Amino acid sequence: MGVSNSAYFAVNVVEDFLTASKGRVSEATYRNYFHFSKKIKEALTAMNQLAVEAENYQPKHLSQLEGWVTKNNSAAYAQKVVTTMKQAFTFVSNSGKVNNLIGNYRSYSKSESKKVTFLSEIEVEKIRAFEGKTEQINFARDFFLVQCYTGLAYIDLYQISRESLVCRDKTSILNIKRHKTKSSCIIPVSQLALDLLNQYDFKFSRFHCASINIYLKEITKKVGIAKNISTHVGRKTFATMLANRGVPANTVAKILGHASYSTTMKHYAEIQVDKVVGDVMGIL
């Protein structure tokens, strides 16, 4: 049984949103929309939901979308896909094409505590020791390692330049303004990080974030790390390592450019057991 050509489907919502976004948002944001829209279409096809009309798209469909994406991706990635779908519906609702306020729907409780995913220093070393067979996978490895050593978010490393590096008292420091929060960051740079930055001449704008994440999944599988990681895990790994080494929370917040102090404190809730035991036993 066919469908009417005049019908307006959920997949059309995504297409119209993507078309309207071109030239209206930054190039980096549009690339994200394009990637997540492609994933949405893939999910709608796989779940036989291409014929779901926009007016009838419900919270259960968002939950199904999230569940389908989570099968092969992190929960954080799935949330970005769902957020893109909600943004698309908000756009078409505001433009009068469809009357569906699902863009305002919250699919999960904000009060639920989400566990921070990070790598141990041993796991970081496993990734550093990995040698891939292609230039692309080795670049993804090095991109992630720079994040683990500096705490830079994907977009901030993507846009970095040699002008960001300054020297104070013989110490190399990255002085940048975060793309997301516009907060200033002062990041002391280790020799490992500096070597990688120089190796690529501070040019890390080769691949889209999603492409790097695909390579990272391949790397972790090959080195035996049973965690679903992404570029953002590198930033969280750096923050957690600082916390485990006793760096004060206000210092970590300044290094990471966190707009909220509570964001920094999440990493202190993840301080490793060995650190806690060592600190306590040292005073007993």
Protein backbone atom coordinates (compact mmCIF):
# COMPACT_ATOMS: atom_id res chain seq x y z
CA MET A 1 0.00 0.00 0.00
CA GLY A 2 1.49 3.34 -1.04
CA VAL A 3 1.49 6.63 0.80
CA SER A 4 0.17 9.97 -0.35
CA ASN A 5 2.65 12.28 -2.04
CA SER A 6 1.20 15.12 0.04
CA ALA A 7 2.02 13.42 3.33
CA TYR A 8 4.78 14.92 5.46
CA PHE A 9 6.97 12.36 7.18
CA ALA A 10 9.51 12.40 10.01
CA VAL A 11 12.28 11.90 7.47
CA ASN A 12 11.09 15.05 5.64
CA VAL A 13 11.44 16.97 8.91
CA VAL A 14 15.12 16.04 9.06
CA GLU A 15 15.68 16.89 5.39
CA ASP A 16 14.02 20.31 5.67
CA PHE A 17 15.96 21.12 8.83
CA LEU A 18 19.26 20.21 7.15
CA THR A 19 18.45 22.27 4.06
CA ALA A 20 17.49 25.31 6.14
CA SER A 21 20.61 25.00 8.30
CA LYS A 22 23.03 25.37 5.40
CA GLY A 23 24.46 28.86 5.49
CA ARG A 24 22.53 29.68 8.67
CA VAL A 25 24.92 27.97 11.09
CA SER A 26 28.69 27.60 11.18
CA GLU A 27 30.39 25.10 8.89
CA ALA A 28 31.35 22.92 11.86
CA THR A 29 27.79 22.87 13.20
CA TYR A 30 26.39 22.06 9.77
CA ARG A 31 28.80 19.11 9.47
CA ASN A 32 27.45 17.80 12.76
CA TYR A 33 23.85 18.24 11.62
CA PHE A 34 24.65 16.49 8.34
CA HIS A 35 26.27 13.54 10.11
CA PHE A 36 23.53 13.09 12.71
CA SER A 37 20.78 13.54 10.09
CA LYS A 38 22.36 10.75 8.07
CA LYS A 39 22.32 8.54 11.18
CA ILE A 40 18.65 9.39 11.78
CA LYS A 41 17.72 8.39 8.23
CA GLU A 42 19.69 5.18 8.65
CA ALA A 43 17.77 4.43 11.86
CA LEU A 44 14.36 5.26 10.37
CA THR A 45 15.08 2.92 7.48
CA ALA A 46 16.29 0.09 9.71
CA MET A 47 13.28 0.43 12.02
CA ASN A 48 10.76 0.66 9.12
CA GLN A 49 9.70 4.15 10.21
CA LEU A 50 10.09 6.02 6.93
CA ALA A 51 6.29 6.11 6.63
CA VAL A 52 5.74 7.62 10.09
CA GLU A 53 4.07 10.97 9.52
CA ALA A 54 5.54 13.96 11.31
CA GLU A 55 2.26 14.71 13.10
CA ASN A 56 2.30 11.18 14.56
CA TYR A 57 5.95 11.10 15.67
CA GLN A 58 5.81 10.37 19.40
CA PRO A 59 8.13 10.06 22.43
CA LYS A 60 8.19 6.29 21.90
CA HIS A 61 9.78 6.91 18.50
CA LEU A 62 12.50 9.03 20.10
CA SER A 63 13.16 6.26 22.62
CA GLN A 64 13.37 3.71 19.81
CA LEU A 65 15.76 5.97 17.90
CA GLU A 66 17.98 6.31 20.96
CA GLY A 67 17.90 2.56 21.59
CA TRP A 68 18.79 1.72 18.00
CA VAL A 69 21.74 4.14 17.89
CA THR A 70 23.03 3.00 21.30
CA LYS A 71 23.45 -0.57 20.02
CA ASN A 72 26.65 0.40 18.23
CA ASN A 73 27.52 3.77 19.77
CA SER A 74 27.95 5.45 23.13
CA ALA A 75 24.98 6.79 25.07
CA ALA A 76 26.39 10.31 24.66
CA TYR A 77 26.50 9.90 20.88
CA ALA A 78 22.93 8.58 20.84
CA GLN A 79 21.80 11.62 22.81
CA LYS A 80 23.32 13.90 20.15
CA VAL A 81 21.36 12.06 17.46
CA VAL A 82 18.13 12.41 19.47
CA THR A 83 18.87 16.09 20.13
CA THR A 84 19.28 16.69 16.38
CA MET A 85 15.90 15.05 15.74
CA LYS A 86 14.28 17.23 18.39
CA GLN A 87 15.93 20.35 16.94
CA ALA A 88 14.56 19.41 13.53
CA PHE A 89 11.02 19.10 14.89
CA THR A 90 11.34 22.39 16.77
CA PHE A 91 12.40 24.08 13.53
CA VAL A 92 9.52 22.75 11.40
CA SER A 93 7.02 23.44 14.21
CA ASN A 94 8.19 27.05 14.47
CA SER A 95 7.96 27.41 10.70
CA GLY A 96 4.36 26.14 10.72
CA LYS A 97 4.97 23.03 8.63
CA VAL A 98 3.79 20.66 11.33
CA ASN A 99 2.13 20.89 14.73
CA ASN A 100 4.25 18.58 16.87
CA LEU A 101 5.97 19.84 20.00
CA ILE A 102 8.08 16.72 20.52
CA GLY A 103 11.14 18.96 20.32
CA ASN A 104 10.35 19.97 23.91
CA TYR A 105 10.15 16.39 25.14
CA ARG A 106 12.80 15.19 27.59
CA SER A 107 13.56 11.54 27.01
CA TYR A 108 15.44 11.03 30.25
CA SER A 109 15.48 12.42 33.76
CA LYS A 110 17.95 15.25 34.31
CA SER A 111 18.27 14.06 37.91
CA GLU A 112 19.76 10.75 36.81
CA SER A 113 23.49 10.68 37.44
CA LYS A 114 25.50 9.65 34.42
CA LYS A 115 28.77 7.88 35.06
CA VAL A 116 31.84 9.61 33.65
CA THR A 117 33.72 7.45 31.16
CA PHE A 118 37.50 7.85 31.20
CA LEU A 119 40.64 5.78 30.64
CA SER A 120 43.21 4.80 33.21
CA GLU A 121 46.83 5.77 32.62
CA ILE A 122 47.58 2.12 31.75
CA GLU A 123 44.84 2.19 29.10
CA VAL A 124 46.20 5.44 27.67
CA GLU A 125 49.62 3.79 27.39
CA LYS A 126 48.04 0.86 25.51
CA ILE A 127 46.67 3.29 22.96
CA ARG A 128 50.00 5.13 22.71
CA ALA A 129 51.76 1.81 22.00
CA PHE A 130 49.28 0.92 19.24
CA GLU A 131 50.65 1.13 15.70
CA GLY A 132 48.06 1.06 12.94
CA LYS A 133 48.47 0.10 9.32
CA THR A 134 47.13 3.37 7.90
CA GLU A 135 47.98 7.03 8.32
CA GLN A 136 44.32 7.76 9.12
CA ILE A 137 44.04 5.45 12.12
CA ASN A 138 47.39 6.63 13.50
CA PHE A 139 46.23 10.24 13.17
CA ALA A 140 43.06 9.38 15.13
CA ARG A 141 45.25 7.75 17.80
CA ASP A 142 47.44 10.84 18.08
CA PHE A 143 44.47 13.22 18.06
CA PHE A 144 43.00 11.32 21.00
CA LEU A 145 46.32 11.21 22.84
CA VAL A 146 46.71 14.99 22.59
CA GLN A 147 43.26 15.26 24.17
CA CYS A 148 44.32 12.89 26.97
CA TYR A 149 47.44 15.01 27.60
CA THR A 150 45.82 18.47 27.31
CA GLY A 151 42.09 18.11 27.95
CA LEU A 152 41.26 19.95 24.71
CA ALA A 153 37.77 19.36 23.33
CA TYR A 154 37.50 18.11 19.74
CA ILE A 155 36.56 21.48 18.25
CA ASP A 156 39.31 23.32 20.17
CA LEU A 157 42.00 20.92 18.97
CA TYR A 158 40.51 21.00 15.47
CA GLN A 159 40.94 24.78 15.39
CA ILE A 160 44.26 25.03 17.22
CA SER A 161 47.22 26.91 15.74
CA ARG A 162 50.86 27.38 16.67
CA GLU A 163 50.02 30.90 17.84
CA SER A 164 48.17 29.30 20.78
CA LEU A 165 51.50 28.13 22.25
CA VAL A 166 53.38 30.47 24.55
CA CYS A 167 56.38 29.99 26.82
CA ARG A 168 56.48 31.07 30.47
CA ASP A 169 59.50 30.37 32.64
CA LYS A 170 60.67 27.69 30.20
CA THR A 171 57.28 25.98 30.38
CA SER A 172 55.17 25.51 27.23
CA ILE A 173 51.58 26.65 27.71
CA LEU A 174 48.51 26.59 25.48
CA ASN A 175 46.51 29.79 25.90
CA ILE A 176 43.18 29.42 24.12
CA LYS A 177 39.54 30.48 24.33
CA ARG A 178 37.12 27.55 24.30
CA HIS A 179 34.79 27.44 21.31
CA LYS A 180 31.85 26.19 23.40
CA THR A 181 31.94 28.44 26.46
CA LYS A 182 34.25 31.26 25.25
CA SER A 183 36.14 30.72 28.53
CA SER A 184 39.91 31.19 28.60
CA CYS A 185 42.07 28.11 29.18
CA ILE A 186 45.67 28.01 30.37
CA ILE A 187 47.06 24.53 29.76
CA PRO A 188 50.63 23.53 30.71
CA VAL A 189 51.88 21.25 27.94
CA SER A 190 53.83 18.07 28.68
CA GLN A 191 56.65 16.95 26.41
CA LEU A 192 54.50 14.09 25.11
CA ALA A 193 51.77 16.51 24.06
CA LEU A 194 54.26 19.00 22.61
CA ASP A 195 55.91 16.31 20.51
CA LEU A 196 52.55 15.32 19.02
CA LEU A 197 51.53 18.92 18.37
CA ASN A 198 54.83 19.57 16.58
CA GLN A 199 54.61 16.29 14.67
CA TYR A 200 51.48 17.58 12.93
CA ASP A 201 52.61 21.22 12.92
CA PHE A 202 49.54 22.08 15.02
CA LYS A 203 47.27 21.07 12.12
CA PHE A 204 44.55 18.75 13.37
CA SER A 205 41.67 19.67 11.07
CA ARG A 206 41.86 16.50 8.99
CA PHE A 207 38.80 14.51 10.00
CA HIS A 208 35.29 15.06 11.27
CA CYS A 209 34.72 14.04 14.88
CA ALA A 210 32.58 11.05 13.86
CA SER A 211 35.36 9.68 11.65
CA ILE A 212 37.87 9.86 14.49
CA ASN A 213 35.41 8.11 16.80
CA ILE A 214 35.08 5.23 14.33
CA TYR A 215 38.86 4.77 14.30
CA LEU A 216 38.96 4.97 18.11
CA LYS A 217 36.50 2.09 18.37
CA GLU A 218 38.77 0.03 16.13
CA ILE A 219 41.83 0.92 18.21
CA THR A 220 40.25 0.08 21.57
CA LYS A 221 39.06 -3.24 20.19
CA LYS A 222 42.55 -4.12 18.99
CA VAL A 223 44.28 -3.18 22.27
CA GLY A 224 41.70 -4.87 24.46
CA ILE A 225 39.99 -1.89 26.10
CA ALA A 226 36.36 -2.79 26.83
CA LYS A 227 35.04 0.78 26.88
CA ASN A 228 32.97 2.65 24.33
CA ILE A 229 35.12 5.74 23.85
CA SER A 230 34.91 8.90 21.79
CA THR A 231 36.99 12.05 21.45
CA HIS A 232 35.25 13.52 24.50
CA VAL A 233 36.57 10.66 26.64
CA GLY A 234 40.08 12.01 26.03
CA ARG A 235 39.10 15.31 27.69
CA LYS A 236 37.47 13.46 30.61
CA THR A 237 40.54 11.23 30.95
CA PHE A 238 42.79 14.27 31.31
CA ALA A 239 40.49 15.81 33.94
CA THR A 240 40.28 12.58 35.92
CA MET A 241 44.05 12.06 35.84
CA LEU A 242 44.54 15.57 37.25
CA ALA A 243 42.01 14.83 40.00
CA ASN A 244 43.76 11.54 40.82
CA ARG A 245 47.08 13.35 41.12
CA GLY A 246 45.67 15.80 43.64
CA VAL A 247 45.34 18.89 41.45
CA PRO A 248 42.80 21.23 43.11
CA ALA A 249 39.37 21.42 41.51
CA ASN A 250 39.60 25.17 40.86
CA THR A 251 42.87 24.62 38.96
CA VAL A 252 41.32 21.82 36.89
CA ALA A 253 38.35 24.08 36.10
CA LYS A 254 40.69 26.81 34.85
CA ILE A 255 42.70 24.38 32.72
CA LEU A 256 39.57 22.88 31.14
CA GLY A 257 37.75 26.18 30.74
CA HIS A 258 34.65 24.87 32.50
CA ALA A 259 31.90 27.47 32.76
CA SER A 260 30.46 25.63 35.75
CA TYR A 261 32.39 24.47 38.80
CA SER A 262 29.92 21.57 39.22
CA THR A 263 31.07 20.20 35.85
CA THR A 264 34.61 19.91 37.19
CA MET A 265 33.46 18.24 40.39
CA LYS A 266 32.00 15.31 38.43
CA HIS A 267 35.56 14.14 37.81
CA TYR A 268 36.32 14.21 41.52
CA ALA A 269 33.45 11.79 42.07
CA GLU A 270 35.36 9.38 39.81
CA ILE A 271 38.69 9.39 41.68
CA GLN A 272 40.04 5.87 41.49
CA VAL A 273 39.91 3.45 44.42
CA ASP A 274 43.71 3.10 44.57
CA LYS A 275 44.05 6.85 45.04
CA VAL A 276 41.51 6.90 47.86
CA VAL A 277 43.10 3.93 49.66
CA GLY A 278 46.62 5.37 49.25
CA ASP A 279 45.62 8.77 50.63
CA VAL A 280 43.88 7.28 53.66
CA MET A 281 46.59 4.73 54.45
CA GLY A 282 49.21 7.46 54.25
CA ILE A 283 47.78 9.17 57.32
CA LEU A 284 46.87 6.08 59.39
